[in-house]
Amino acid sequence: MDTDVLIVGAGPVGLFLANECARRGLRWRLVEMRAALSEHSKALAINRVTSVAVVTHGRALARMRFAPAETPYSFVATVPRT
């Protein structure tokens, strides 16, 4: 089978990636070793991150804004892990 993307793991990140691949018309295959659902959550939500601040001991060291020029998406999608 021809596949553009192989996704290993059907957790929140793997399912999110499968959805993004499908939206873009990529040929993808998702594999999962477990036959049943996990009893525990692996992620809380999908967040839209538009900037990041690096802070230590209450002092900001850096601030970075995401503003890519060649894409309609001005954010990074993240899935926080628990």
Protein backbone atom coordinates (compact mmCIF):
# COMPACT_ATOMS: atom_id res chain seq x y z
CA MET A 1 0.00 0.00 0.00
CA ASP A 2 1.27 3.48 -0.85
CA THR A 3 1.33 5.71 2.22
CA ASP A 4 2.56 9.27 2.64
CA VAL A 5 2.45 9.21 6.45
CA LEU A 6 2.62 6.33 8.93
CA ILE A 7 1.10 7.25 12.29
CA VAL A 8 2.07 5.06 15.23
CA GLY A 9 -0.41 5.27 18.10
CA ALA A 10 -4.12 6.12 18.11
CA GLY A 11 -3.98 8.47 21.08
CA PRO A 12 -5.01 12.11 20.89
CA VAL A 13 -1.87 13.15 18.99
CA GLY A 14 -2.12 10.30 16.49
CA LEU A 15 -5.82 10.93 15.85
CA PHE A 16 -5.17 14.67 15.49
CA LEU A 17 -2.42 13.96 12.96
CA ALA A 18 -4.67 11.55 11.03
CA ASN A 19 -7.32 14.25 10.81
CA GLU A 20 -4.80 16.82 9.56
CA CYS A 21 -3.46 14.37 6.96
CA ALA A 22 -7.01 13.63 5.73
CA ARG A 23 -7.76 17.37 5.46
CA ARG A 24 -4.69 17.79 3.25
CA GLY A 25 -5.41 14.81 1.00
CA LEU A 26 -2.44 12.76 2.20
CA ARG A 27 -2.49 8.97 2.16
CA TRP A 28 -2.01 7.85 5.74
CA ARG A 29 -2.09 4.69 7.81
CA LEU A 30 -2.61 4.59 11.58
CA VAL A 31 -1.40 1.61 13.62
CA GLU A 32 -2.13 0.94 17.29
CA MET A 33 -0.84 -2.00 19.32
CA ARG A 34 -3.64 -2.00 21.92
CA ALA A 35 -6.95 -3.62 21.07
CA ALA A 36 -8.93 -1.61 23.65
CA LEU A 37 -9.26 2.01 24.72
CA SER A 38 -7.01 3.32 27.47
CA GLU A 39 -8.63 3.85 30.86
CA HIS A 40 -6.69 7.09 31.37
CA SER A 41 -6.68 10.37 29.48
CA LYS A 42 -3.49 11.20 27.60
CA ALA A 43 -4.34 14.78 26.64
CA LEU A 44 -6.69 17.47 27.84
CA ALA A 45 -7.40 19.49 24.70
CA ILE A 46 -5.97 20.88 21.50
CA ASN A 47 -4.63 24.37 22.05
CA ARG A 48 -3.91 27.20 19.63
CA VAL A 49 -0.55 28.66 20.61
CA THR A 50 0.18 32.09 19.10
CA SER A 51 3.19 33.01 21.25
CA VAL A 52 5.57 31.62 23.84
CA ALA A 53 7.33 33.25 26.78
CA VAL A 54 10.42 31.75 28.41
CA VAL A 55 10.37 32.66 32.10
CA THR A 56 12.71 31.69 34.93
CA HIS A 57 12.51 32.78 38.57
CA GLY A 58 9.76 35.27 37.65
CA ARG A 59 11.91 36.96 34.99
CA ALA A 60 11.04 36.85 31.28
CA LEU A 61 14.04 35.77 29.21
CA ALA A 62 12.41 35.70 25.81
CA ARG A 63 9.09 36.17 24.04
CA MET A 64 8.37 34.64 20.65
CA ARG A 65 5.33 35.26 18.49
CA PHE A 66 4.24 32.83 15.79
CA ALA A 67 3.48 34.73 12.59
CA PRO A 68 4.47 32.56 9.62
CA ALA A 69 4.32 34.48 6.34
CA GLU A 70 3.54 31.63 3.93
CA THR A 71 0.57 30.00 5.64
CA PRO A 72 -2.99 31.00 6.51
CA TYR A 73 -2.43 29.57 10.02
CA SER A 74 -0.92 32.08 12.44
CA PHE A 75 -0.69 29.56 15.28
CA VAL A 76 0.74 26.20 16.26
CA ALA A 77 -1.67 23.46 17.36
CA THR A 78 -0.50 21.57 20.43
CA VAL A 79 -1.90 18.69 22.42
CA PRO A 80 -0.81 18.93 26.07
CA ARG A 81 0.09 15.58 27.61
CA THR A 82 -0.80 14.61 31.17
